C-alpha cells in the first residue's frame, strides 16, 4: 500500500488516489485487492519517468497523483507516463 501509494478517499473504498513512491526501485508490479475487483499496477522507472499501466475495476473512481498534477483514471487498463522526482 505504501510503495504503490494506494489510498482510499471515500467510504467503502469507492474512490482511491494512487501516488506511487518507488524510491530507488526501477519497477513496481503489484495487485491491491478490493471488494469490487483488483487494482493492478505495472510501472517502470527510467531516467526520472514512470511508464506503464494501471488497471482499475469497474465501479471505482480513481486518480493518479504525480509531480505534474492529478490524472483521472478510467475503469479498465490505463496507460500512464509521468515524471517522477524521487
PDB file of N, CA and C in Angstrom:
ATOM      1  N   UNK A   1       0.826  -1.196   0.000  1.00  0.00           N
ATOM      2  CA  UNK A   1       0.000   0.000   0.000  1.00  0.00           C
ATOM      3  C   UNK A   1       0.868   1.257   0.000  1.00  0.00           C
ATOM      4  N   UNK A   2       1.932   1.286   0.793  1.00  0.00           N
ATOM      5  CA  UNK A   2       2.777   2.477   0.870  1.00  0.00           C
ATOM      6  C   UNK A   2       3.576   2.677  -0.405  1.00  0.00           C
ATOM      7  N   UNK A   3       4.233   1.647  -0.875  1.00  0.00           N
ATOM      8  CA  UNK A   3       5.034   1.719  -2.095  1.00  0.00           C
ATOM      9  C   UNK A   3       4.186   2.118  -3.297  1.00  0.00           C
ATOM     10  N   UNK A   4       3.007   1.524  -3.408  1.00  0.00           N
ATOM     11  CA  UNK A   4       2.104   1.827  -4.524  1.00  0.00           C
ATOM     12  C   UNK A   4       1.366   3.147  -4.304  1.00  0.00           C
ATOM     13  N   UNK A   5       1.248   3.549  -3.053  1.00  0.00           N
ATOM     14  CA  UNK A   5       0.573   4.802  -2.740  1.00  0.00           C
ATOM     15  C   UNK A   5      -0.920   4.760  -2.958  1.00  0.00           C
ATOM     16  N   UNK A   6      -1.547   3.605  -2.794  1.00  0.00           N
ATOM     17  CA  UNK A   6      -2.992   3.482  -2.978  1.00  0.00           C
ATOM     18  C   UNK A   6      -3.679   3.839  -1.665  1.00  0.00           C
ATOM     19  N   UNK A   7      -4.531   4.861  -1.749  1.00  0.00           N
ATOM     20  CA  UNK A   7      -5.189   5.366  -0.543  1.00  0.00           C
ATOM     21  C   UNK A   7      -6.665   5.587  -0.817  1.00  0.00           C
ATOM     22  N   UNK A   8      -7.554   4.971  -0.013  1.00  0.00           N
ATOM     23  CA  UNK A   8      -8.984   5.221  -0.180  1.00  0.00           C
ATOM     24  C   UNK A   8      -9.330   6.631   0.295  1.00  0.00           C
ATOM     25  N   UNK A   9     -10.232   7.305  -0.436  1.00  0.00           N
ATOM     26  CA  UNK A   9     -10.633   8.661  -0.058  1.00  0.00           C
ATOM     27  C   UNK A   9     -12.148   8.818   0.024  1.00  0.00           C
ATOM     28  N   UNK A  10     -12.886   7.700  -0.054  1.00  0.00           N
ATOM     29  CA  UNK A  10     -14.342   7.735   0.060  1.00  0.00           C
ATOM     30  C   UNK A  10     -14.806   6.485   0.801  1.00  0.00           C
ATOM     31  N   UNK A  11     -15.948   6.556   1.472  1.00  0.00           N
ATOM     32  CA  UNK A  11     -16.472   5.385   2.181  1.00  0.00           C
ATOM     33  C   UNK A  11     -16.603   4.180   1.251  1.00  0.00           C
ATOM     34  N   UNK A  12     -16.290   3.009   1.807  1.00  0.00           N
ATOM     35  CA  UNK A  12     -16.388   1.778   1.027  1.00  0.00           C
ATOM     36  C   UNK A  12     -15.318   1.647  -0.034  1.00  0.00           C
ATOM     37  N   UNK A  13     -14.280   2.454   0.057  1.00  0.00           N
ATOM     38  CA  UNK A  13     -13.193   2.441  -0.931  1.00  0.00           C
ATOM     39  C   UNK A  13     -13.697   2.659  -2.349  1.00  0.00           C
ATOM     40  N   UNK A  14     -14.789   3.397  -2.502  1.00  0.00           N
ATOM     41  CA  UNK A  14     -15.364   3.647  -3.834  1.00  0.00           C
ATOM     42  C   UNK A  14     -14.535   4.643  -4.643  1.00  0.00           C
ATOM     43  N   UNK A  15     -13.642   5.349  -3.948  1.00  0.00           N
ATOM     44  CA  UNK A  15     -12.729   6.271  -4.639  1.00  0.00           C
ATOM     45  C   UNK A  15     -11.349   6.107  -4.026  1.00  0.00           C
ATOM     46  N   UNK A  16     -10.339   5.998  -4.895  1.00  0.00           N
ATOM     47  CA  UNK A  16      -8.960   5.865  -4.433  1.00  0.00           C
ATOM     48  C   UNK A  16      -8.065   6.864  -5.160  1.00  0.00           C
ATOM     49  N   UNK A  17      -6.995   7.228  -4.460  1.00  0.00           N
ATOM     50  CA  UNK A  17      -5.940   8.044  -5.053  1.00  0.00           C
ATOM     51  C   UNK A  17      -4.690   7.180  -5.061  1.00  0.00           C
ATOM     52  N   UNK A  18      -3.976   7.197  -6.175  1.00  0.00           N
ATOM     53  CA  UNK A  18      -2.759   6.410  -6.328  1.00  0.00           C
ATOM     54  C   UNK A  18      -1.592   7.368  -6.500  1.00  0.00           C
ATOM     55  N   UNK A  19      -0.576   7.229  -5.640  1.00  0.00           N
ATOM     56  CA  UNK A  19       0.613   8.096  -5.694  1.00  0.00           C
ATOM     57  C   UNK A  19       1.845   7.223  -5.450  1.00  0.00           C
ATOM     58  N   UNK A  20       2.351   6.551  -6.487  1.00  0.00           N
ATOM     59  CA  UNK A  20       3.483   5.635  -6.319  1.00  0.00           C
ATOM     60  C   UNK A  20       4.719   6.336  -5.755  1.00  0.00           C
ATOM     61  N   UNK A  21       5.421   5.627  -4.879  1.00  0.00           N
ATOM     62  CA  UNK A  21       6.661   6.109  -4.278  1.00  0.00           C
ATOM     63  C   UNK A  21       7.744   5.055  -4.485  1.00  0.00           C
ATOM     64  N   UNK A  22       8.312   4.958  -5.696  1.00  0.00           N
ATOM     65  CA  UNK A  22       9.242   3.867  -5.989  1.00  0.00           C
ATOM     66  C   UNK A  22      10.608   3.985  -5.311  1.00  0.00           C
ATOM     67  N   UNK A  23      10.978   5.191  -4.866  1.00  0.00           N
ATOM     68  CA  UNK A  23      12.300   5.340  -4.269  1.00  0.00           C
ATOM     69  C   UNK A  23      13.377   4.892  -5.237  1.00  0.00           C
ATOM     70  N   UNK A  24      14.228   3.968  -4.810  1.00  0.00           N
ATOM     71  CA  UNK A  24      15.330   3.500  -5.672  1.00  0.00           C
ATOM     72  C   UNK A  24      14.923   2.348  -6.590  1.00  0.00           C
ATOM     73  N   UNK A  25      13.699   1.828  -6.421  1.00  0.00           N
ATOM     74  CA  UNK A  25      13.248   0.724  -7.259  1.00  0.00           C
ATOM     75  C   UNK A  25      13.070   1.162  -8.711  1.00  0.00           C
ATOM     76  N   UNK A  26      13.345   0.262  -9.620  1.00  0.00           N
ATOM     77  CA  UNK A  26      13.208   0.539 -11.055  1.00  0.00           C
ATOM     78  C   UNK A  26      11.843   0.147 -11.598  1.00  0.00           C
ATOM     79  N   UNK A  27      11.072  -0.616 -10.813  1.00  0.00           N
ATOM     80  CA  UNK A  27       9.743  -1.011 -11.273  1.00  0.00           C
ATOM     81  C   UNK A  27       8.834  -1.321 -10.084  1.00  0.00           C
ATOM     82  N   UNK A  28       7.538  -1.232 -10.355  1.00  0.00           N
ATOM     83  CA  UNK A  28       6.512  -1.623  -9.384  1.00  0.00           C
ATOM     84  C   UNK A  28       5.508  -2.491 -10.129  1.00  0.00           C
ATOM     85  N   UNK A  29       5.341  -3.705  -9.652  1.00  0.00           N
ATOM     86  CA  UNK A  29       4.308  -4.585 -10.194  1.00  0.00           C
ATOM     87  C   UNK A  29       3.552  -5.113  -8.984  1.00  0.00           C
ATOM     88  N   UNK A  30       2.295  -4.692  -8.849  1.00  0.00           N
ATOM     89  CA  UNK A  30       1.553  -5.025  -7.645  1.00  0.00           C
ATOM     90  C   UNK A  30       0.072  -5.188  -7.933  1.00  0.00           C
ATOM     91  N   UNK A  31      -0.584  -5.921  -7.038  1.00  0.00           N
ATOM     92  CA  UNK A  31      -2.026  -6.074  -7.081  1.00  0.00           C
ATOM     93  C   UNK A  31      -2.573  -5.695  -5.716  1.00  0.00           C
ATOM     94  N   UNK A  32      -3.629  -4.877  -5.713  1.00  0.00           N
ATOM     95  CA  UNK A  32      -4.258  -4.401  -4.487  1.00  0.00           C
ATOM     96  C   UNK A  32      -5.691  -4.931  -4.471  1.00  0.00           C
ATOM     97  N   UNK A  33      -5.991  -5.900  -3.586  1.00  0.00           N
ATOM     98  CA  UNK A  33      -7.332  -6.463  -3.561  1.00  0.00           C
ATOM     99  C   UNK A  33      -8.367  -5.434  -3.102  1.00  0.00           C
ATOM    100  N   UNK A  34      -9.494  -5.432  -3.764  1.00  0.00           N
ATOM    101  CA  UNK A  34     -10.588  -4.503  -3.491  1.00  0.00           C
ATOM    102  C   UNK A  34     -11.876  -5.297  -3.636  1.00  0.00           C
ATOM    103  N   UNK A  35     -12.894  -4.967  -2.868  1.00  0.00           N
ATOM    104  CA  UNK A  35     -14.124  -5.762  -2.939  1.00  0.00           C
ATOM    105  C   UNK A  35     -14.824  -5.685  -4.298  1.00  0.00           C
ATOM    106  N   UNK A  36     -14.460  -4.718  -5.145  1.00  0.00           N
ATOM    107  CA  UNK A  36     -15.037  -4.625  -6.493  1.00  0.00           C
ATOM    108  C   UNK A  36     -14.121  -5.219  -7.570  1.00  0.00           C
ATOM    109  N   UNK A  37     -12.968  -5.720  -7.160  1.00  0.00           N
ATOM    110  CA  UNK A  37     -12.004  -6.267  -8.109  1.00  0.00           C
ATOM    111  C   UNK A  37     -10.589  -5.952  -7.636  1.00  0.00           C
ATOM    112  N   UNK A  38      -9.623  -6.160  -8.485  1.00  0.00           N
ATOM    113  CA  UNK A  38      -8.223  -5.944  -8.116  1.00  0.00           C
ATOM    114  C   UNK A  38      -7.648  -4.749  -8.868  1.00  0.00           C
ATOM    115  N   UNK A  39      -7.056  -3.826  -8.128  1.00  0.00           N
ATOM    116  CA  UNK A  39      -6.331  -2.707  -8.727  1.00  0.00           C
ATOM    117  C   UNK A  39      -4.927  -3.224  -9.031  1.00  0.00           C
ATOM    118  N   UNK A  40      -4.476  -3.046 -10.270  1.00  0.00           N
ATOM    119  CA  UNK A  40      -3.168  -3.562 -10.676  1.00  0.00           C
ATOM    120  C   UNK A  40      -2.268  -2.431 -11.151  1.00  0.00           C
ATOM    121  N   UNK A  41      -1.027  -2.452 -10.707  1.00  0.00           N
ATOM    122  CA  UNK A  41      -0.018  -1.503 -11.159  1.00  0.00           C
ATOM    123  C   UNK A  41       1.117  -2.274 -11.809  1.00  0.00           C
ATOM    124  N   UNK A  42       1.570  -1.811 -12.962  1.00  0.00           N
ATOM    125  CA  UNK A  42       2.730  -2.368 -13.643  1.00  0.00           C
ATOM    126  C   UNK A  42       3.495  -1.175 -14.213  1.00  0.00           C
ATOM    127  N   UNK A  43       4.424  -0.645 -13.415  1.00  0.00           N
ATOM    128  CA  UNK A  43       5.122   0.595 -13.761  1.00  0.00           C
ATOM    129  C   UNK A  43       6.624   0.376 -13.791  1.00  0.00           C
ATOM    130  N   UNK A  44       7.286   1.069 -14.698  1.00  0.00           N
ATOM    131  CA  UNK A  44       8.747   1.024 -14.797  1.00  0.00           C
ATOM    132  C   UNK A  44       9.290   2.449 -14.737  1.00  0.00           C
ATOM    133  N   UNK A  45      10.424   2.607 -14.046  1.00  0.00           N
ATOM    134  CA  UNK A  45      11.066   3.915 -13.917  1.00  0.00           C
ATOM    135  C   UNK A  45      12.353   3.917 -14.730  1.00  0.00           C
ATOM    136  N   UNK A  46      12.518   4.960 -15.553  1.00  0.00           N
ATOM    137  CA  UNK A  46      13.732   5.104 -16.344  1.00  0.00           C
ATOM    138  C   UNK A  46      13.987   6.582 -16.570  1.00  0.00           C
ATOM    139  N   UNK A  47      15.154   7.043 -16.191  1.00  0.00           N
ATOM    140  CA  UNK A  47      15.560   8.444 -16.394  1.00  0.00           C
ATOM    141  C   UNK A  47      14.533   9.438 -15.847  1.00  0.00           C
ATOM    142  N   UNK A  48      14.036   9.185 -14.635  1.00  0.00           N
ATOM    143  CA  UNK A  48      13.115  10.110 -13.995  1.00  0.00           C
ATOM    144  C   UNK A  48      11.696  10.082 -14.525  1.00  0.00           C
ATOM    145  N   UNK A  49      11.351   9.071 -15.305  1.00  0.00           N
ATOM    146  CA  UNK A  49       9.997   8.954 -15.854  1.00  0.00           C
ATOM    147  C   UNK A  49       9.438   7.584 -15.501  1.00  0.00           C
ATOM    148  N   UNK A  50       8.166   7.554 -15.100  1.00  0.00           N
ATOM    149  CA  UNK A  50       7.458   6.299 -14.857  1.00  0.00           C
ATOM    150  C   UNK A  50       6.509   6.072 -16.018  1.00  0.00           C
ATOM    151  N   UNK A  51       6.500   4.857 -16.541  1.00  0.00           N
ATOM    152  CA  UNK A  51       5.578   4.491 -17.617  1.00  0.00           C
ATOM    153  C   UNK A  51       5.009   3.114 -17.306  1.00  0.00           C
ATOM    154  N   UNK A  52       3.846   2.830 -17.848  1.00  0.00           N
ATOM    155  CA  UNK A  52       3.264   1.518 -17.667  1.00  0.00           C
ATOM    156  C   UNK A  52       1.756   1.566 -17.671  1.00  0.00           C
ATOM    157  N   UNK A  53       1.153   0.635 -16.915  1.00  0.00           N
ATOM    158  CA  UNK A  53      -0.302   0.538 -16.880  1.00  0.00           C
ATOM    159  C   UNK A  53      -0.805   0.477 -15.447  1.00  0.00           C
ATOM    160  N   UNK A  54      -2.018   1.006 -15.272  1.00  0.00           N
ATOM    161  CA  UNK A  54      -2.761   0.888 -14.020  1.00  0.00           C
ATOM    162  C   UNK A  54      -4.155   0.414 -14.402  1.00  0.00           C
ATOM    163  N   UNK A  55      -4.577  -0.700 -13.814  1.00  0.00           N
ATOM    164  CA  UNK A  55      -5.889  -1.264 -14.110  1.00  0.00           C
ATOM    165  C   UNK A  55      -6.828  -1.006 -12.939  1.00  0.00           C
ATOM    166  N   UNK A  56      -7.992  -0.434 -13.251  1.00  0.00           N
ATOM    167  CA  UNK A  56      -8.989  -0.071 -12.252  1.00  0.00           C
ATOM    168  C   UNK A  56     -10.266  -0.876 -12.500  1.00  0.00           C
ATOM    169  N   UNK A  57     -10.789  -1.567 -11.480  1.00  0.00           N
ATOM    170  CA  UNK A  57     -12.044  -2.306 -11.646  1.00  0.00           C
ATOM    171  C   UNK A  57     -13.235  -1.368 -11.865  1.00  0.00           C
ATOM    172  N   UNK A  58     -14.250  -1.880 -12.524  1.00  0.00           N
ATOM    173  CA  UNK A  58     -15.498  -1.147 -12.744  1.00  0.00           C
ATOM    174  C   UNK A  58     -16.100  -0.759 -11.392  1.00  0.00           C
ATOM    175  N   UNK A  59     -16.597   0.478 -11.297  1.00  0.00           N
ATOM    176  CA  UNK A  59     -17.263   0.939 -10.083  1.00  0.00           C
ATOM    177  C   UNK A  59     -16.377   1.690  -9.117  1.00  0.00           C
ATOM    178  N   UNK A  60     -15.084   1.804  -9.428  1.00  0.00           N
ATOM    179  CA  UNK A  60     -14.165   2.543  -8.568  1.00  0.00           C
ATOM    180  C   UNK A  60     -13.747   3.822  -9.292  1.00  0.00           C
ATOM    181  N   UNK A  61     -13.856   4.948  -8.604  1.00  0.00           N
ATOM    182  CA  UNK A  61     -13.347   6.211  -9.132  1.00  0.00           C
ATOM    183  C   UNK A  61     -11.891   6.305  -8.671  1.00  0.00           C
ATOM    184  N   UNK A  62     -10.975   6.594  -9.609  1.00  0.00           N
ATOM    185  CA  UNK A  62      -9.560   6.601  -9.257  1.00  0.00           C
ATOM    186  C   UNK A  62      -8.826   7.744  -9.940  1.00  0.00           C
ATOM    187  N   UNK A  63      -7.793   8.213  -9.265  1.00  0.00           N
ATOM    188  CA  UNK A  63      -6.913   9.217  -9.864  1.00  0.00           C
ATOM    189  C   UNK A  63      -5.482   8.909  -9.472  1.00  0.00           C
ATOM    190  N   UNK A  64      -4.562   9.389 -10.298  1.00  0.00           N
ATOM    191  CA  UNK A  64      -3.129   9.200 -10.100  1.00  0.00           C
ATOM    192  C   UNK A  64      -2.530  10.553  -9.762  1.00  0.00           C
ATOM    193  N   UNK A  65      -1.909  10.662  -8.596  1.00  0.00           N
ATOM    194  CA  UNK A  65      -1.224  11.896  -8.222  1.00  0.00           C
ATOM    195  C   UNK A  65       0.236  11.792  -8.644  1.00  0.00           C
ATOM    196  N   UNK A  66       0.695  12.768  -9.402  1.00  0.00           N
ATOM    197  CA  UNK A  66       2.078  12.803  -9.862  1.00  0.00           C
ATOM    198  C   UNK A  66       2.687  14.155  -9.523  1.00  0.00           C
ATOM    199  N   UNK A  67       3.972  14.295  -9.760  1.00  0.00           N
ATOM    200  CA  UNK A  67       4.637  15.582  -9.563  1.00  0.00           C
ATOM    201  C   UNK A  67       4.094  16.631 -10.531  1.00  0.00           C
ATOM    202  N   UNK A  68       3.476  16.184 -11.626  1.00  0.00           N
ATOM    203  CA  UNK A  68       2.917  17.092 -12.630  1.00  0.00           C
ATOM    204  C   UNK A  68       1.469  17.475 -12.338  1.00  0.00           C
ATOM    205  N   UNK A  69       0.818  16.762 -11.413  1.00  0.00           N
ATOM    206  CA  UNK A  69      -0.584  17.024 -11.098  1.00  0.00           C
ATOM    207  C   UNK A  69      -1.376  15.736 -11.031  1.00  0.00           C
ATOM    208  N   UNK A  70      -2.686  15.872 -11.058  1.00  0.00           N
ATOM    209  CA  UNK A  70      -3.577  14.721 -10.926  1.00  0.00           C
ATOM    210  C   UNK A  70      -4.067  14.258 -12.298  1.00  0.00           C
ATOM    211  N   UNK A  71      -4.072  12.946 -12.495  1.00  0.00           N
ATOM    212  CA  UNK A  71      -4.569  12.333 -13.726  1.00  0.00           C
ATOM    213  C   UNK A  71      -5.756  11.450 -13.346  1.00  0.00           C
ATOM    214  N   UNK A  72      -6.921  11.712 -13.922  1.00  0.00           N
ATOM    215  CA  UNK A  72      -8.086  10.862 -13.675  1.00  0.00           C
ATOM    216  C   UNK A  72      -7.934   9.564 -14.447  1.00  0.00           C
ATOM    217  N   UNK A  73      -8.240   8.449 -13.785  1.00  0.00           N
ATOM    218  CA  UNK A  73      -8.144   7.129 -14.402  1.00  0.00           C
ATOM    219  C   UNK A  73      -9.539   6.587 -14.647  1.00  0.00           C
ATOM    220  N   UNK A  74      -9.695   5.817 -15.703  1.00  0.00           N
ATOM    221  CA  UNK A  74     -10.990   5.215 -16.009  1.00  0.00           C
ATOM    222  C   UNK A  74     -10.956   3.728 -15.660  1.00  0.00           C
ATOM    223  N   UNK A  75     -12.115   3.094 -15.688  1.00  0.00           N
ATOM    224  CA  UNK A  75     -12.177   1.654 -15.456  1.00  0.00           C
ATOM    225  C   UNK A  75     -11.439   0.939 -16.579  1.00  0.00           C
ATOM    226  N   UNK A  76     -10.818  -0.171 -16.247  1.00  0.00           N
ATOM    227  CA  UNK A  76     -10.043  -0.913 -17.232  1.00  0.00           C
ATOM    228  C   UNK A  76      -8.569  -0.535 -17.156  1.00  0.00           C
ATOM    229  N   UNK A  77      -7.842  -0.861 -18.215  1.00  0.00           N
ATOM    230  CA  UNK A  77      -6.403  -0.606 -18.253  1.00  0.00           C
ATOM    231  C   UNK A  77      -6.117   0.819 -18.727  1.00  0.00           C
ATOM    232  N   UNK A  78      -5.332   1.545 -17.959  1.00  0.00           N
ATOM    233  CA  UNK A  78      -4.928   2.916 -18.275  1.00  0.00           C
ATOM    234  C   UNK A  78      -3.428   2.937 -18.547  1.00  0.00           C
ATOM    235  N   UNK A  79      -3.024   3.430 -19.707  1.00  0.00           N
ATOM    236  CA  UNK A  79      -1.597   3.628 -19.994  1.00  0.00           C
ATOM    237  C   UNK A  79      -1.203   4.981 -19.419  1.00  0.00           C
ATOM    238  N   UNK A  80      -0.105   4.987 -18.640  1.00  0.00           N
ATOM    239  CA  UNK A  80       0.328   6.217 -17.992  1.00  0.00           C
ATOM    240  C   UNK A  80       1.815   6.469 -18.260  1.00  0.00           C
ATOM    241  N   UNK A  81       2.174   7.736 -18.245  1.00  0.00           N
ATOM    242  CA  UNK A  81       3.561   8.172 -18.380  1.00  0.00           C
ATOM    243  C   UNK A  81       3.672   9.513 -17.673  1.00  0.00           C
ATOM    244  N   UNK A  82       4.586   9.600 -16.695  1.00  0.00           N
ATOM    245  CA  UNK A  82       4.718  10.832 -15.933  1.00  0.00           C
ATOM    246  C   UNK A  82       6.115  10.950 -15.351  1.00  0.00           C
ATOM    247  N   UNK A  83       6.534  12.184 -15.117  1.00  0.00           N
ATOM    248  CA  UNK A  83       7.825  12.452 -14.497  1.00  0.00           C
ATOM    249  C   UNK A  83       7.753  12.164 -13.006  1.00  0.00           C
ATOM    250  N   UNK A  84       8.867  11.729 -12.445  1.00  0.00           N
ATOM    251  CA  UNK A  84       8.932  11.472 -11.020  1.00  0.00           C
ATOM    252  C   UNK A  84      10.274  11.974 -10.491  1.00  0.00           C
ATOM    253  N   UNK A  85      10.219  12.673  -9.391  1.00  0.00           N
ATOM    254  CA  UNK A  85      11.436  13.286  -8.848  1.00  0.00           C
ATOM    255  C   UNK A  85      12.287  12.280  -8.102  1.00  0.00           C
ATOM    256  N   UNK A  86      11.671  11.389  -7.280  1.00  0.00           N
ATOM    257  CA  UNK A  86      12.491  10.505  -6.439  1.00  0.00           C
ATOM    258  C   UNK A  86      12.968   9.299  -7.140  1.00  0.00           C
TER     259      UNK A  86
END
